[in-house]
PDB file of N, CA and C in Angstrom:
ATOM      1  N   MET A   1      11.044   4.575  28.914  1.00  0.00           N
ATOM      2  CA  MET A   1      11.602   4.267  28.132  1.00  0.00           C
ATOM      3  C   MET A   1      12.957   3.481  28.033  1.00  0.00           C
ATOM      4  N   ASP A   2      13.873   2.984  27.803  1.00  0.00           N
ATOM      5  CA  ASP A   2      15.138   2.642  27.058  1.00  0.00           C
ATOM      6  C   ASP A   2      14.755   2.800  25.501  1.00  0.00           C
ATOM      7  N   PRO A   3      15.905   3.138  25.263  1.00  0.00           N
ATOM      8  CA  PRO A   3      16.340   3.091  23.425  1.00  0.00           C
ATOM      9  C   PRO A   3      15.541   1.651  22.922  1.00  0.00           C
ATOM     10  N   GLU A   4      15.643   0.959  23.076  1.00  0.00           N
ATOM     11  CA  GLU A   4      15.924  -0.461  22.717  1.00  0.00           C
ATOM     12  C   GLU A   4      14.608  -0.730  22.228  1.00  0.00           C
ATOM     13  N   SER A   5      14.151  -0.491  23.770  1.00  0.00           N
ATOM     14  CA  SER A   5      11.965  -0.682  23.874  1.00  0.00           C
ATOM     15  C   SER A   5      11.783   0.633  22.113  1.00  0.00           C
ATOM     16  N   ALA A   6      12.079   1.886  22.431  1.00  0.00           N
ATOM     17  CA  ALA A   6      11.120   2.976  21.092  1.00  0.00           C
ATOM     18  C   ALA A   6      11.998   1.976  19.974  1.00  0.00           C
ATOM     19  N   THR A   7      13.158   1.884  20.064  1.00  0.00           N
ATOM     20  CA  THR A   7      12.769   1.139  18.937  1.00  0.00           C
ATOM     21  C   THR A   7      12.264  -0.056  18.065  1.00  0.00           C
ATOM     22  N   VAL A   8      11.720  -1.089  18.704  1.00  0.00           N
ATOM     23  CA  VAL A   8      11.080  -1.881  19.400  1.00  0.00           C
ATOM     24  C   VAL A   8       9.613  -1.260  18.379  1.00  0.00           C
ATOM     25  N   PHE A   9       9.601  -0.194  19.116  1.00  0.00           N
ATOM     26  CA  PHE A   9       8.256   0.863  19.518  1.00  0.00           C
ATOM     27  C   PHE A   9       7.858   0.863  18.035  1.00  0.00           C
ATOM     28  N   ALA A  10       9.147   1.778  17.837  1.00  0.00           N
ATOM     29  CA  ALA A  10       9.227   1.984  16.341  1.00  0.00           C
ATOM     30  C   ALA A  10       8.708   1.569  14.781  1.00  0.00           C
ATOM     31  N   LYS A  11       9.899   0.513  14.529  1.00  0.00           N
ATOM     32  CA  LYS A  11      10.434  -0.207  14.204  1.00  0.00           C
ATOM     33  C   LYS A  11       8.162  -1.010  13.761  1.00  0.00           C
ATOM     34  N   SER A  12       7.661  -1.813  14.682  1.00  0.00           N
ATOM     35  CA  SER A  12       6.392  -1.825  15.186  1.00  0.00           C
ATOM     36  C   SER A  12       5.801  -1.750  13.905  1.00  0.00           C
ATOM     37  N   PHE A  13       5.956   0.347  14.605  1.00  0.00           N
ATOM     38  CA  PHE A  13       4.666   1.401  13.815  1.00  0.00           C
ATOM     39  C   PHE A  13       4.803   1.025  12.065  1.00  0.00           C
ATOM     40  N   THR A  14       6.255   0.938  12.372  1.00  0.00           N
ATOM     41  CA  THR A  14       6.303   0.734  10.669  1.00  0.00           C
ATOM     42  C   THR A  14       5.898  -0.543   9.571  1.00  0.00           C
ATOM     43  N   ILE A  15       6.075  -1.995  10.871  1.00  0.00           N
ATOM     44  CA  ILE A  15       5.675  -3.139  10.034  1.00  0.00           C
ATOM     45  C   ILE A  15       3.677  -3.218   9.921  1.00  0.00           C
ATOM     46  N   LEU A  16       2.802  -2.011  10.980  1.00  0.00           N
ATOM     47  CA  LEU A  16       1.715  -1.693  10.552  1.00  0.00           C
ATOM     48  C   LEU A  16       1.602  -0.771   9.288  1.00  0.00           C
ATOM     49  N   GLY A  17       2.341  -0.300   9.283  1.00  0.00           N
ATOM     50  CA  GLY A  17       1.946   0.839   7.603  1.00  0.00           C
ATOM     51  C   GLY A  17       2.616   0.048   6.461  1.00  0.00           C
ATOM     52  N   MET A  18       3.324  -1.096   6.777  1.00  0.00           N
ATOM     53  CA  MET A  18       3.375  -1.088   5.438  1.00  0.00           C
ATOM     54  C   MET A  18       1.589  -2.190   5.803  1.00  0.00           C
ATOM     55  N   ALA A  19       1.516  -3.733   6.331  1.00  0.00           N
ATOM     56  CA  ALA A  19       0.712  -4.548   6.359  1.00  0.00           C
ATOM     57  C   ALA A  19      -0.909  -3.501   5.978  1.00  0.00           C
ATOM     58  N   ALA A  20      -0.696  -2.001   6.359  1.00  0.00           N
ATOM     59  CA  ALA A  20      -2.446  -1.082   5.757  1.00  0.00           C
ATOM     60  C   ALA A  20      -2.018  -0.803   4.703  1.00  0.00           C
ATOM     61  N   ASN A  21      -0.999  -0.958   3.448  1.00  0.00           N
ATOM     62  CA  ASN A  21      -0.379  -0.150   2.399  1.00  0.00           C
ATOM     63  C   ASN A  21      -1.270  -1.493   2.083  1.00  0.00           C
ATOM     64  N   ALA A  22      -0.674  -3.115   2.523  1.00  0.00           N
ATOM     65  CA  ALA A  22      -1.001  -4.159   1.890  1.00  0.00           C
ATOM     66  C   ALA A  22      -2.392  -4.383   2.255  1.00  0.00           C
ATOM     67  N   ILE A  23      -3.297  -4.071   2.333  1.00  0.00           N
ATOM     68  CA  ILE A  23      -4.496  -3.917   2.252  1.00  0.00           C
ATOM     69  C   ILE A  23      -5.356  -2.889   1.570  1.00  0.00           C
ATOM     70  N   ALA A  24      -4.997  -1.922   1.272  1.00  0.00           N
ATOM     71  CA  ALA A  24      -5.377  -0.678   0.056  1.00  0.00           C
ATOM     72  C   ALA A  24      -4.719  -1.238  -1.073  1.00  0.00           C
ATOM     73  N   GLU A  25      -3.083  -1.732  -1.083  1.00  0.00           N
ATOM     74  CA  GLU A  25      -4.094  -2.330  -2.443  1.00  0.00           C
ATOM     75  C   GLU A  25      -4.642  -3.382  -2.890  1.00  0.00           C
ATOM     76  N   GLY A  26      -4.803  -4.311  -2.552  1.00  0.00           N
ATOM     77  CA  GLY A  26      -6.369  -5.171  -2.185  1.00  0.00           C
ATOM     78  C   GLY A  26      -7.479  -4.420  -2.497  1.00  0.00           C
ATOM     79  N   LEU A  27      -7.320  -3.343  -1.765  1.00  0.00           N
ATOM     80  CA  LEU A  27      -8.523  -2.899  -1.719  1.00  0.00           C
ATOM     81  C   LEU A  27      -8.427  -2.619  -3.118  1.00  0.00           C
ATOM     82  N   VAL A  28      -7.475  -1.266  -3.780  1.00  0.00           N
ATOM     83  CA  VAL A  28      -7.573  -0.232  -5.449  1.00  0.00           C
ATOM     84  C   VAL A  28      -7.726  -1.826  -6.127  1.00  0.00           C
ATOM     85  N   VAL A  29      -7.506  -3.032  -6.563  1.00  0.00           N
ATOM     86  CA  VAL A  29      -6.897  -3.898  -6.883  1.00  0.00           C
ATOM     87  C   VAL A  29      -8.868  -4.421  -7.589  1.00  0.00           C
ATOM     88  N   SER A  30      -9.388  -4.846  -5.875  1.00  0.00           N
ATOM     89  CA  SER A  30      -9.904  -5.494  -6.350  1.00  0.00           C
ATOM     90  C   SER A  30     -11.447  -4.812  -6.742  1.00  0.00           C
ATOM     91  N   SER A  31     -11.548  -3.160  -5.903  1.00  0.00           N
ATOM     92  CA  SER A  31     -12.394  -2.294  -6.737  1.00  0.00           C
ATOM     93  C   SER A  31     -12.271  -2.278  -7.902  1.00  0.00           C
ATOM     94  N   ALA A  32     -10.781  -2.449  -8.588  1.00  0.00           N
ATOM     95  CA  ALA A  32     -10.846  -2.016 -10.197  1.00  0.00           C
ATOM     96  C   ALA A  32     -11.906  -3.405 -10.758  1.00  0.00           C
ATOM     97  N   PHE A  33     -11.319  -4.478 -10.551  1.00  0.00           N
ATOM     98  CA  PHE A  33     -12.131  -5.877 -11.175  1.00  0.00           C
ATOM     99  C   PHE A  33     -13.664  -6.031 -10.750  1.00  0.00           C
ATOM    100  N   LYS A  34     -13.789  -5.596  -9.511  1.00  0.00           N
ATOM    101  CA  LYS A  34     -15.678  -5.238  -9.871  1.00  0.00           C
ATOM    102  C   LYS A  34     -16.043  -3.744 -11.107  1.00  0.00           C
ATOM    103  N   ALA A  35     -15.248  -3.286 -10.989  1.00  0.00           N
ATOM    104  CA  ALA A  35     -15.583  -2.252 -11.952  1.00  0.00           C
ATOM    105  C   ALA A  35     -15.571  -2.282 -13.797  1.00  0.00           C
ATOM    106  N   ILE A  36     -14.380  -3.185 -13.707  1.00  0.00           N
ATOM    107  CA  ILE A  36     -14.172  -3.794 -14.866  1.00  0.00           C
ATOM    108  C   ILE A  36     -15.328  -5.345 -15.270  1.00  0.00           C
ATOM    109  N   GLY A  37     -16.391  -6.305 -14.071  1.00  0.00           N
ATOM    110  CA  GLY A  37     -16.629  -6.859 -14.427  1.00  0.00           C
ATOM    111  C   GLY A  37     -18.076  -6.354 -14.405  1.00  0.00           C
ATOM    112  N   ARG A  38     -18.494  -4.967 -14.094  1.00  0.00           N
ATOM    113  CA  ARG A  38     -19.858  -4.574 -14.374  1.00  0.00           C
ATOM    114  C   ARG A  38     -19.621  -3.808 -15.791  1.00  0.00           C
ATOM    115  N   ASN A  39     -18.707  -2.867 -16.387  1.00  0.00           N
ATOM    116  CA  ASN A  39     -18.600  -2.781 -17.007  1.00  0.00           C
ATOM    117  C   ASN A  39     -17.438  -3.201 -18.357  1.00  0.00           C
ATOM    118  N   PRO A  40     -17.560  -4.224 -19.178  1.00  0.00           N
ATOM    119  CA  PRO A  40     -16.343  -4.453 -19.156  1.00  0.00           C
ATOM    120  C   PRO A  40     -15.825  -3.683 -20.448  1.00  0.00           C
ATOM    121  N   LYS A  41     -16.663  -2.408 -20.834  1.00  0.00           N
ATOM    122  CA  LYS A  41     -15.578  -1.369 -22.289  1.00  0.00           C
ATOM    123  C   LYS A  41     -14.600  -0.217 -21.078  1.00  0.00           C
ATOM    124  N   LEU A  42     -15.172  -0.399 -19.934  1.00  0.00           N
ATOM    125  CA  LEU A  42     -14.026   0.459 -19.704  1.00  0.00           C
ATOM    126  C   LEU A  42     -12.262  -0.028 -19.054  1.00  0.00           C
ATOM    127  N   GLU A  43     -12.517  -1.471 -19.503  1.00  0.00           N
ATOM    128  CA  GLU A  43     -10.828  -1.977 -19.235  1.00  0.00           C
ATOM    129  C   GLU A  43      -9.517  -1.356 -19.626  1.00  0.00           C
ATOM    130  N   GLU A  44      -9.727  -0.832 -20.728  1.00  0.00           N
ATOM    131  CA  GLU A  44      -8.941   0.029 -21.377  1.00  0.00           C
ATOM    132  C   GLU A  44      -8.656   1.010 -20.640  1.00  0.00           C
ATOM    133  N   THR A  45      -9.900   2.339 -20.239  1.00  0.00           N
ATOM    134  CA  THR A  45      -9.249   3.052 -19.728  1.00  0.00           C
ATOM    135  C   THR A  45      -9.264   3.373 -18.356  1.00  0.00           C
ATOM    136  N   MET A  46      -9.580   2.111 -17.407  1.00  0.00           N
ATOM    137  CA  MET A  46      -8.949   2.269 -16.079  1.00  0.00           C
ATOM    138  C   MET A  46      -7.718   1.321 -15.360  1.00  0.00           C
ATOM    139  N   PHE A  47      -7.706   0.055 -16.743  1.00  0.00           N
ATOM    140  CA  PHE A  47      -6.271  -0.477 -16.721  1.00  0.00           C
ATOM    141  C   PHE A  47      -5.403   0.681 -16.509  1.00  0.00           C
ATOM    142  N   SER A  48      -5.004   2.150 -16.649  1.00  0.00           N
ATOM    143  CA  SER A  48      -3.796   2.867 -16.505  1.00  0.00           C
ATOM    144  C   SER A  48      -3.736   3.631 -15.602  1.00  0.00           C
ATOM    145  N   LYS A  49      -5.579   3.558 -15.300  1.00  0.00           N
ATOM    146  CA  LYS A  49      -5.176   4.290 -14.175  1.00  0.00           C
ATOM    147  C   LYS A  49      -5.240   3.344 -12.681  1.00  0.00           C
ATOM    148  N   VAL A  50      -5.400   2.386 -13.306  1.00  0.00           N
ATOM    149  CA  VAL A  50      -5.258   1.584 -11.362  1.00  0.00           C
ATOM    150  C   VAL A  50      -3.736   1.139 -11.239  1.00  0.00           C
ATOM    151  N   ILE A  51      -3.459   1.212 -12.208  1.00  0.00           N
ATOM    152  CA  ILE A  51      -1.603   1.127 -12.501  1.00  0.00           C
ATOM    153  C   ILE A  51      -0.536   2.441 -11.754  1.00  0.00           C
ATOM    154  N   ILE A  52      -1.407   3.722 -11.887  1.00  0.00           N
ATOM    155  CA  ILE A  52      -0.502   4.212 -11.460  1.00  0.00           C
ATOM    156  C   ILE A  52      -1.263   4.607 -10.136  1.00  0.00           C
ATOM    157  N   SER A  53      -2.098   4.377  -9.239  1.00  0.00           N
ATOM    158  CA  SER A  53      -3.163   4.142  -7.892  1.00  0.00           C
ATOM    159  C   SER A  53      -2.262   3.238  -6.993  1.00  0.00           C
ATOM    160  N   VAL A  54      -1.873   1.801  -7.211  1.00  0.00           N
ATOM    161  CA  VAL A  54      -0.961   0.707  -7.147  1.00  0.00           C
ATOM    162  C   VAL A  54       0.117   1.107  -7.088  1.00  0.00           C
ATOM    163  N   ALA A  55       1.175   1.960  -7.944  1.00  0.00           N
ATOM    164  CA  ALA A  55       1.952   2.638  -7.579  1.00  0.00           C
ATOM    165  C   ALA A  55       2.184   3.591  -6.539  1.00  0.00           C
ATOM    166  N   LEU A  56       0.855   4.538  -6.365  1.00  0.00           N
ATOM    167  CA  LEU A  56       0.886   5.419  -5.290  1.00  0.00           C
ATOM    168  C   LEU A  56       1.067   4.759  -4.723  1.00  0.00           C
ATOM    169  N   VAL A  57      -0.149   3.295  -4.203  1.00  0.00           N
ATOM    170  CA  VAL A  57       0.023   3.253  -2.673  1.00  0.00           C
ATOM    171  C   VAL A  57       1.157   1.841  -2.369  1.00  0.00           C
ATOM    172  N   GLU A  58       1.974   1.836  -3.259  1.00  0.00           N
ATOM    173  CA  GLU A  58       3.222   0.738  -3.074  1.00  0.00           C
ATOM    174  C   GLU A  58       4.073   2.080  -2.124  1.00  0.00           C
ATOM    175  N   SER A  59       3.743   2.973  -2.907  1.00  0.00           N
ATOM    176  CA  SER A  59       4.786   4.185  -2.526  1.00  0.00           C
ATOM    177  C   SER A  59       5.266   4.409  -1.285  1.00  0.00           C
ATOM    178  N   THR A  60       3.914   4.493  -0.862  1.00  0.00           N
ATOM    179  CA  THR A  60       4.490   4.742   1.005  1.00  0.00           C
ATOM    180  C   THR A  60       4.394   2.705   1.206  1.00  0.00           C
ATOM    181  N   ALA A  61       4.025   2.096   0.611  1.00  0.00           N
ATOM    182  CA  ALA A  61       5.473   0.690   1.113  1.00  0.00           C
ATOM    183  C   ALA A  61       6.819   0.980   1.696  1.00  0.00           C
ATOM    184  N   ILE A  62       6.896   1.484   0.120  1.00  0.00           N
ATOM    185  CA  ILE A  62       8.359   1.093   0.184  1.00  0.00           C
ATOM    186  C   ILE A  62       9.072   2.454   1.145  1.00  0.00           C
ATOM    187  N   TYR A  63       8.072   3.765   1.114  1.00  0.00           N
ATOM    188  CA  TYR A  63       8.030   4.843   2.075  1.00  0.00           C
ATOM    189  C   TYR A  63       8.873   3.999   3.651  1.00  0.00           C
ATOM    190  N   SER A  64       7.699   2.928   3.767  1.00  0.00           N
ATOM    191  CA  SER A  64       7.888   2.858   5.635  1.00  0.00           C
ATOM    192  C   SER A  64       8.419   1.023   5.277  1.00  0.00           C
ATOM    193  N   LEU A  65       9.063   0.732   4.580  1.00  0.00           N
ATOM    194  CA  LEU A  65       9.987  -0.281   4.687  1.00  0.00           C
ATOM    195  C   LEU A  65      11.144   0.933   4.367  1.00  0.00           C
ATOM    196  N   VAL A  66      11.776   1.844   4.181  1.00  0.00           N
ATOM    197  CA  VAL A  66      12.572   2.829   4.335  1.00  0.00           C
ATOM    198  C   VAL A  66      12.971   3.434   5.910  1.00  0.00           C
ATOM    199  N   ALA A  67      12.400   3.582   6.021  1.00  0.00           N
ATOM    200  CA  ALA A  67      11.699   4.225   7.624  1.00  0.00           C
ATOM    201  C   ALA A  67      12.076   2.970   8.398  1.00  0.00           C
ATOM    202  N   PHE A  68      12.045   1.493   8.053  1.00  0.00           N
ATOM    203  CA  PHE A  68      11.880   0.476   8.849  1.00  0.00           C
ATOM    204  C   PHE A  68      13.583   0.136   9.310  1.00  0.00           C
ATOM    205  N   PHE A  69      14.362   0.017   7.952  1.00  0.00           N
ATOM    206  CA  PHE A  69      15.651  -0.231   8.094  1.00  0.00           C
ATOM    207  C   PHE A  69      17.022   1.016   8.870  1.00  0.00           C
ATOM    208  N   LEU A  70      15.905   2.378   8.545  1.00  0.00           N
ATOM    209  CA  LEU A  70      16.518   3.793   9.340  1.00  0.00           C
ATOM    210  C   LEU A  70      16.205   3.803  10.329  1.00  0.00           C
ATOM    211  N   ILE A  71      15.452   3.187  11.287  1.00  0.00           N
ATOM    212  CA  ILE A  71      15.539   3.551  12.460  1.00  0.00           C
ATOM    213  C   ILE A  71      16.584   2.412  13.352  1.00  0.00           C
TER     214      ILE A  71
END
């Protein structure tokens, strides 16, 4: 395998990582909305937890983006 095709291969894996993070972020928010829909009293306590969870998932996407530009 030549270096150029290895670079394209590695960049494609980082793009798959970013796509997986987008799906995971959607699942986190979707689950939070479902939980709040079932019990609206949880909205105040769930909000901060959801923001922290989304930030953690988003940080992984940022790491993938940095890896994409470093390759």
